[in-house]
C-alpha atoms as a PDB file:
ATOM      1  CA  MET A   1     157.956-112.104 222.873  1.00  0.00           C
ATOM      2  CA  SER A   2     159.816-114.300 220.358  1.00  0.00           C
ATOM      3  CA  PHE A   3     163.213-113.281 219.014  1.00  0.00           C
ATOM      4  CA  ALA A   4     161.781-113.073 215.494  1.00  0.00           C
ATOM      5  CA  ARG A   5     159.065-110.690 216.652  1.00  0.00           C
ATOM      6  CA  LEU A   6     161.614-108.737 218.674  1.00  0.00           C
ATOM      7  CA  GLY A   7     163.714-108.372 215.532  1.00  0.00           C
ATOM      8  CA  ARG A   8     160.748-107.012 213.606  1.00  0.00           C
ATOM      9  CA  VAL A   9     159.843-104.556 216.346  1.00  0.00           C
ATOM     10  CA  THR A  10     163.371-103.250 216.916  1.00  0.00           C
ATOM     11  CA  GLY A  11     163.970-103.017 213.185  1.00  0.00           C
ATOM     12  CA  ALA A  12     160.882-100.890 212.752  1.00  0.00           C
ATOM     13  CA  LEU A  13     161.813 -98.704 215.723  1.00  0.00           C
ATOM     14  CA  THR A  14     165.282 -98.168 214.310  1.00  0.00           C
ATOM     15  CA  LEU A  15     164.037 -97.035 210.926  1.00  0.00           C
ATOM     16  CA  ALA A  16     161.426 -94.828 212.547  1.00  0.00           C
ATOM     17  CA  ALA A  17     164.120 -93.213 214.681  1.00  0.00           C
ATOM     18  CA  LEU A  18     166.342 -92.644 211.690  1.00  0.00           C
ATOM     19  CA  THR A  19     163.487 -91.108 209.726  1.00  0.00           C
ATOM     20  CA  ALA A  20     162.674 -88.773 212.600  1.00  0.00           C
ATOM     21  CA  GLY A  21     166.340 -87.849 212.726  1.00  0.00           C
ATOM     22  CA  VAL A  22     166.174 -86.030 209.406  1.00  0.00           C
ATOM     23  CA  ALA A  23     165.139 -82.813 211.084  1.00  0.00           C
ATOM     24  CA  ALA A  24     167.712 -83.342 213.818  1.00  0.00           C
ATOM     25  CA  GLY A  25     170.734 -83.420 211.572  1.00  0.00           C
ATOM     26  CA  CYS A  26     170.664 -86.833 209.936  1.00  0.00           C
ATOM     27  CA  GLY A  27     170.899 -85.016 206.677  1.00  0.00           C
ATOM     28  CA  SER A  28     170.621 -86.164 203.109  1.00  0.00           C
ATOM     29  CA  LYS A  29     172.892 -85.924 200.108  1.00  0.00           C
ATOM     30  CA  SER A  30     169.762 -85.175 198.107  1.00  0.00           C
ATOM     31  CA  SER A  31     167.477 -82.440 199.387  1.00  0.00           C
ATOM     32  CA  ASN A  32     164.385 -84.552 198.694  1.00  0.00           C
ATOM     33  CA  THR A  33     165.597 -88.055 199.524  1.00  0.00           C
ATOM     34  CA  LEU A  34     166.813 -89.684 202.704  1.00  0.00           C
ATOM     35  CA  THR A  35     168.642 -92.928 201.985  1.00  0.00           C
ATOM     36  CA  VAL A  36     168.890 -95.301 204.908  1.00  0.00           C
ATOM     37  CA  GLY A  37     171.556 -97.992 204.682  1.00  0.00           C
ATOM     38  CA  ASP A  38     170.197-101.086 206.403  1.00  0.00           C
ATOM     39  CA  ILE A  39     172.839-103.639 207.468  1.00  0.00           C
ATOM     40  CA  VAL A  40     171.112-106.960 208.203  1.00  0.00           C
ATOM     41  CA  PRO A  41     172.428-110.490 208.916  1.00  0.00           C
ATOM     42  CA  LEU A  42     171.048-112.435 205.963  1.00  0.00           C
ATOM     43  CA  THR A  43     173.796-115.043 206.382  1.00  0.00           C
ATOM     44  CA  GLY A  44     175.982-116.221 209.255  1.00  0.00           C
ATOM     45  CA  ASP A  45     175.056-117.042 212.852  1.00  0.00           C
ATOM     46  CA  LEU A  46     172.266-114.441 213.070  1.00  0.00           C
ATOM     47  CA  ALA A  47     170.753-115.320 209.687  1.00  0.00           C
ATOM     48  CA  PRO A  48     167.383-116.391 211.199  1.00  0.00           C
ATOM     49  CA  PHE A  49     166.807-112.784 212.284  1.00  0.00           C
ATOM     50  CA  GLY A  50     167.837-111.155 209.005  1.00  0.00           C
ATOM     51  CA  PRO A  51     164.714-111.607 206.859  1.00  0.00           C
ATOM     52  CA  PRO A  52     162.290-110.462 209.603  1.00  0.00           C
ATOM     53  CA  GLY A  53     164.522-107.451 210.249  1.00  0.00           C
ATOM     54  CA  GLU A  54     164.634-106.623 206.555  1.00  0.00           C
ATOM     55  CA  LYS A  55     160.838-106.816 206.295  1.00  0.00           C
ATOM     56  CA  ALA A  56     160.473-104.590 209.356  1.00  0.00           C
ATOM     57  CA  ALA A  57     162.727-101.982 207.795  1.00  0.00           C
ATOM     58  CA  ARG A  58     160.743-101.957 204.565  1.00  0.00           C
ATOM     59  CA  LEU A  59     157.491-101.653 206.492  1.00  0.00           C
ATOM     60  CA  ALA A  60     158.880 -98.712 208.488  1.00  0.00           C
ATOM     61  CA  VAL A  61     159.949 -96.966 205.291  1.00  0.00           C
ATOM     62  CA  GLU A  62     156.520 -97.498 203.711  1.00  0.00           C
ATOM     63  CA  GLN A  63     154.820 -96.025 206.767  1.00  0.00           C
ATOM     64  CA  ALA A  64     157.264 -93.114 206.919  1.00  0.00           C
ATOM     65  CA  ASN A  65     156.711 -92.237 203.280  1.00  0.00           C
ATOM     66  CA  ALA A  66     152.933 -92.440 203.713  1.00  0.00           C
ATOM     67  CA  ALA A  67     153.095 -90.087 206.715  1.00  0.00           C
ATOM     68  CA  LEU A  68     155.408 -87.649 204.914  1.00  0.00           C
ATOM     69  CA  LYS A  69     153.067 -87.555 201.928  1.00  0.00           C
ATOM     70  CA  GLN A  70     150.013 -87.075 204.114  1.00  0.00           C
ATOM     71  CA  ASP A  71     151.648 -84.104 205.853  1.00  0.00           C
ATOM     72  CA  GLY A  72     152.729 -82.567 202.571  1.00  0.00           C
ATOM     73  CA  ILE A  73     156.451 -82.899 203.351  1.00  0.00           C
ATOM     74  CA  LYS A  74     158.491 -83.139 200.177  1.00  0.00           C
ATOM     75  CA  LEU A  75     160.814 -85.866 201.349  1.00  0.00           C
ATOM     76  CA  THR A  76     161.134 -89.498 200.324  1.00  0.00           C
ATOM     77  CA  VAL A  77     162.784 -92.191 202.423  1.00  0.00           C
ATOM     78  CA  LYS A  78     164.702 -94.794 200.458  1.00  0.00           C
ATOM     79  CA  LEU A  79     166.064 -98.061 201.846  1.00  0.00           C
ATOM     80  CA  ASP A  80     169.215 -99.863 200.726  1.00  0.00           C
ATOM     81  CA  ASN A  81     170.011-103.257 202.256  1.00  0.00           C
ATOM     82  CA  ALA A  82     173.340-105.025 202.669  1.00  0.00           C
ATOM     83  CA  ASP A  83     174.196-108.376 204.223  1.00  0.00           C
ATOM     84  CA  GLU A  84     176.507-108.090 207.221  1.00  0.00           C
ATOM     85  CA  GLN A  85     177.062-111.892 207.192  1.00  0.00           C
ATOM     86  CA  THR A  86     177.324-111.765 211.009  1.00  0.00           C
ATOM     87  CA  ASN A  87     180.956-110.881 210.439  1.00  0.00           C
ATOM     88  CA  SER A  88     182.831-107.730 211.468  1.00  0.00           C
ATOM     89  CA  ALA A  89     184.852-107.352 208.250  1.00  0.00           C
ATOM     90  CA  ALA A  90     181.763-107.917 206.097  1.00  0.00           C
ATOM     91  CA  SER A  91     179.797-105.414 208.213  1.00  0.00           C
ATOM     92  CA  VAL A  92     182.456-102.741 207.744  1.00  0.00           C
ATOM     93  CA  SER A  93     182.519-103.384 203.987  1.00  0.00           C
ATOM     94  CA  ALA A  94     178.717-103.238 203.834  1.00  0.00           C
ATOM     95  CA  ALA A  95     178.626 -99.907 205.676  1.00  0.00           C
ATOM     96  CA  ARG A  96     181.268 -98.406 203.409  1.00  0.00           C
ATOM     97  CA  LYS A  97     179.413 -99.502 200.287  1.00  0.00           C
ATOM     98  CA  LEU A  98     176.067 -98.202 201.533  1.00  0.00           C
ATOM     99  CA  ILE A  99     177.532 -94.804 202.375  1.00  0.00           C
ATOM    100  CA  SER A 100     179.385 -94.712 199.068  1.00  0.00           C
ATOM    101  CA  ASP A 101     176.082 -95.427 197.303  1.00  0.00           C
ATOM    102  CA  GLY A 102     174.430 -92.471 199.016  1.00  0.00           C
ATOM    103  CA  ALA A 103     173.220 -93.621 202.423  1.00  0.00           C
ATOM    104  CA  SER A 104     173.184 -90.774 204.923  1.00  0.00           C
ATOM    105  CA  CYS A 105     172.173 -92.953 207.888  1.00  0.00           C
ATOM    106  CA  ILE A 106     173.027 -96.529 208.857  1.00  0.00           C
ATOM    107  CA  ALA A 107     170.685 -98.973 210.595  1.00  0.00           C
ATOM    108  CA  GLY A 108     172.741-101.853 212.031  1.00  0.00           C
ATOM    109  CA  ALA A 109     174.674-103.878 212.620  1.00  0.00           C
ATOM    110  CA  TRP A 110     172.993-106.510 214.754  1.00  0.00           C
ATOM    111  CA  ALA A 111     175.776-108.315 216.619  1.00  0.00           C
ATOM    112  CA  SER A 112     177.756-106.043 218.946  1.00  0.00           C
ATOM    113  CA  SER A 113     180.991-107.484 217.564  1.00  0.00           C
ATOM    114  CA  ASP A 114     179.918-106.109 214.179  1.00  0.00           C
ATOM    115  CA  THR A 115     178.345-102.835 215.306  1.00  0.00           C
ATOM    116  CA  ILE A 116     181.435-101.592 217.145  1.00  0.00           C
ATOM    117  CA  PRO A 117     183.864-101.970 214.187  1.00  0.00           C
ATOM    118  CA  VAL A 118     181.346-100.277 211.889  1.00  0.00           C
ATOM    119  CA  SER A 119     181.185 -97.337 214.281  1.00  0.00           C
ATOM    120  CA  GLN A 120     184.923 -97.089 214.814  1.00  0.00           C
ATOM    121  CA  SER A 121     186.004 -97.641 211.213  1.00  0.00           C
ATOM    122  CA  VAL A 122     183.185 -96.127 209.169  1.00  0.00           C
ATOM    123  CA  THR A 123     180.255 -94.160 210.556  1.00  0.00           C
ATOM    124  CA  SER A 124     182.090 -92.102 213.164  1.00  0.00           C
ATOM    125  CA  ARG A 125     184.832 -91.182 210.707  1.00  0.00           C
ATOM    126  CA  GLU A 126     182.295 -90.296 208.022  1.00  0.00           C
ATOM    127  CA  HIS A 127     180.068 -88.453 210.517  1.00  0.00           C
ATOM    128  CA  VAL A 128     177.116 -90.666 209.594  1.00  0.00           C
ATOM    129  CA  PRO A 129     174.517 -91.503 212.286  1.00  0.00           C
ATOM    130  CA  GLN A 130     174.268 -95.208 213.090  1.00  0.00           C
ATOM    131  CA  ILE A 131     171.547 -96.961 215.102  1.00  0.00           C
ATOM    132  CA  SER A 132     171.739-100.652 215.956  1.00  0.00           C
ATOM    133  CA  PRO A 133     168.435-102.464 216.581  1.00  0.00           C
ATOM    134  CA  ALA A 134     169.944-105.382 218.488  1.00  0.00           C
ATOM    135  CA  SER A 135     173.465-104.805 219.853  1.00  0.00           C
ATOM    136  CA  THR A 136     173.588-104.938 223.643  1.00  0.00           C
ATOM    137  CA  ALA A 137     177.301-104.904 224.585  1.00  0.00           C
ATOM    138  CA  ALA A 138     178.060-102.460 227.383  1.00  0.00           C
ATOM    139  CA  THR A 139     181.111-101.293 225.423  1.00  0.00           C
ATOM    140  CA  ILE A 140     178.873 -99.458 222.967  1.00  0.00           C
ATOM    141  CA  SER A 141     177.922 -96.999 225.697  1.00  0.00           C
ATOM    142  CA  THR A 142     181.584 -96.020 226.009  1.00  0.00           C
ATOM    143  CA  LEU A 143     181.868 -95.013 222.344  1.00  0.00           C
ATOM    144  CA  LYS A 144     181.528 -91.268 222.825  1.00  0.00           C
ATOM    145  CA  THR A 145     181.519 -90.424 219.127  1.00  0.00           C
ATOM    146  CA  GLY A 146     178.145 -88.729 218.911  1.00  0.00           C
ATOM    147  CA  TYR A 147     177.161 -90.941 215.975  1.00  0.00           C
ATOM    148  CA  ILE A 148     176.394 -94.354 217.489  1.00  0.00           C
ATOM    149  CA  PHE A 149     173.002 -95.194 219.015  1.00  0.00           C
ATOM    150  CA  ARG A 150     170.907 -98.293 219.725  1.00  0.00           C
ATOM    151  CA  THR A 151     167.342 -99.262 220.567  1.00  0.00           C
ATOM    152  CA  SER A 152     168.179-102.326 222.727  1.00  0.00           C
ATOM    153  CA  PRO A 153     169.241-101.826 226.364  1.00  0.00           C
ATOM    154  CA  SER A 154     172.808-102.517 227.493  1.00  0.00           C
ATOM    155  CA  ASP A 155     173.814-105.892 228.916  1.00  0.00           C
ATOM    156  CA  ASN A 156     174.548-104.089 232.187  1.00  0.00           C
ATOM    157  CA  LEU A 157     170.883-103.221 232.565  1.00  0.00           C
ATOM    158  CA  GLN A 158     169.587-106.563 231.304  1.00  0.00           C
ATOM    159  CA  GLY A 159     171.891-108.554 233.586  1.00  0.00           C
ATOM    160  CA  LYS A 160     170.820-106.613 236.672  1.00  0.00           C
ATOM    161  CA  LEU A 161     167.131-106.989 235.881  1.00  0.00           C
ATOM    162  CA  LEU A 162     167.524-110.713 235.155  1.00  0.00           C
ATOM    163  CA  ALA A 163     169.300-111.254 238.475  1.00  0.00           C
ATOM    164  CA  GLU A 164     166.562-109.373 240.314  1.00  0.00           C
ATOM    165  CA  TYR A 165     163.860-111.397 238.549  1.00  0.00           C
ATOM    166  CA  VAL A 166     165.515-114.718 239.393  1.00  0.00           C
ATOM    167  CA  SER A 167     166.018-113.664 243.005  1.00  0.00           C
ATOM    168  CA  GLU A 168     162.381-112.667 243.390  1.00  0.00           C
ATOM    169  CA  SER A 169     160.777-115.451 241.346  1.00  0.00           C
ATOM    170  CA  ILE A 170     162.624-118.631 242.313  1.00  0.00           C
ATOM    171  CA  PRO A 171     162.120-119.742 245.939  1.00  0.00           C
ATOM    172  CA  ARG A 172     165.232-120.694 247.869  1.00  0.00           C
ATOM    173  CA  PRO A 173     165.296-124.287 249.203  1.00  0.00           C
ATOM    174  CA  SER A 174     164.873-124.699 252.941  1.00  0.00           C
ATOM    175  CA  SER A 175     167.535-126.368 255.073  1.00  0.00           C
ATOM    176  CA  SER A 176     165.353-129.493 255.387  1.00  0.00           C
ATOM    177  CA  THR A 177     165.075-129.716 251.605  1.00  0.00           C
ATOM    178  CA  SER A 178     168.852-129.476 251.297  1.00  0.00           C
ATOM    179  CA  ARG A 179     169.330-132.279 253.834  1.00  0.00           C
ATOM    180  CA  ARG A 180     166.929-134.539 251.945  1.00  0.00           C
ATOM    181  CA  ARG A 181     168.820-133.939 248.700  1.00  0.00           C
ATOM    182  CA  THR A 182     172.285-134.632 250.143  1.00  0.00           C
ATOM    183  CA  PRO A 183     172.089-138.481 250.283  1.00  0.00           C
ATOM    184  CA  ARG A 184     170.800-138.646 246.719  1.00  0.00           C
ATOM    185  CA  LEU A 185     173.592-136.349 245.532  1.00  0.00           C
ATOM    186  CA  ALA A 186     176.139-138.542 247.322  1.00  0.00           C
ATOM    187  CA  ARG A 187     174.830-141.664 245.594  1.00  0.00           C
ATOM    188  CA  ARG A 188     175.104-139.970 242.198  1.00  0.00           C
ATOM    189  CA  CYS A 189     178.699-138.946 242.933  1.00  0.00           C
ATOM    190  CA  CYS A 190     179.640-142.480 243.957  1.00  0.00           C
ATOM    191  CA  ALA A 191     177.996-143.828 240.819  1.00  0.00           C
ATOM    192  CA  ARG A 192     180.253-141.570 238.761  1.00  0.00           C
ATOM    193  CA  GLY A 193     183.324-143.072 240.390  1.00  0.00           C
ATOM    194  CA  SER A 194     184.199-140.410 242.941  1.00  0.00           C
ATOM    195  CA  SER A 195     186.220-141.653 245.919  1.00  0.00           C
ATOM    196  CA  THR A 196     184.068-139.671 248.307  1.00  0.00           C
ATOM    197  CA  PRO A 197     180.900-137.636 247.921  1.00  0.00           C
ATOM    198  CA  ARG A 198     182.943-134.606 249.058  1.00  0.00           C
ATOM    199  CA  ASN A 199     184.201-134.391 245.462  1.00  0.00           C
ATOM    200  CA  CYS A 200     180.650-133.498 244.505  1.00  0.00           C
ATOM    201  CA  SER A 201     179.249-131.883 247.639  1.00  0.00           C
ATOM    202  CA  SER A 202     180.849-130.135 250.580  1.00  0.00           C
ATOM    203  CA  GLN A 203     177.905-131.202 252.725  1.00  0.00           C
ATOM    204  CA  THR A 204     178.937-134.884 252.905  1.00  0.00           C
ATOM    205  CA  ALA A 205     182.221-136.536 253.757  1.00  0.00           C
ATOM    206  CA  SER A 206     181.403-140.239 254.137  1.00  0.00           C
ATOM    207  CA  PRO A 207     183.487-142.486 251.880  1.00  0.00           C
ATOM    208  CA  CYS A 208     181.791-144.221 249.001  1.00  0.00           C
ATOM    209  CA  PRO A 209     181.455-147.995 249.310  1.00  0.00           C
ATOM    210  CA  THR A 210     184.070-149.951 247.369  1.00  0.00           C
ATOM    211  CA  SER A 211     181.623-152.696 246.489  1.00  0.00           C
ATOM    212  CA  PRO A 212     177.853-153.072 246.471  1.00  0.00           C
ATOM    213  CA  PRO A 213     176.384-154.017 249.838  1.00  0.00           C
ATOM    214  CA  ALA A 214     175.305-157.613 250.274  1.00  0.00           C
ATOM    215  CA  VAL A 215     171.652-158.346 249.664  1.00  0.00           C
END
């Protein structure tokens, strides 16, 4: 799955989760409207993921409103977007503005280095639920505020699974393969000017020739 598609999927899941959270205490400053503040990286290092994430959020809101109408629930979901700029200070400012403008839930930020300050400085203090669609830092799991959530798994889980996958998928070289590679590695080390191949490989200790051998 491409990162762009992943951004669209996680963005939609986040908004769906926030919409479902209305009945679970997400709340609304208007009895008939739930305003979701969507913090997306439209500029900065994560800018390539911002527009797809923004589109995913709008799609989720459209589907939520259609479902609410079909079920006869008198509630409208509204979406307000703000650019986090892939910057912690800008993310905090964006969250404050969205909440000030009426948002009762926050979707974002994307980078963990932006999500954590938003939680610590804004959403937890304002008692506003926050769900990040992309932040994976293990530190987020230690924020026991009751208001910070995410849809992406922690780096601790991803790192373990990646290590297991590499261990199971990539065959280890045999001892004979290693012996065949050693002379070639030694020649490369000598070509780079090392005094002995030992500088590049602990498996060889023969000195490098000081001049090319006679032909």
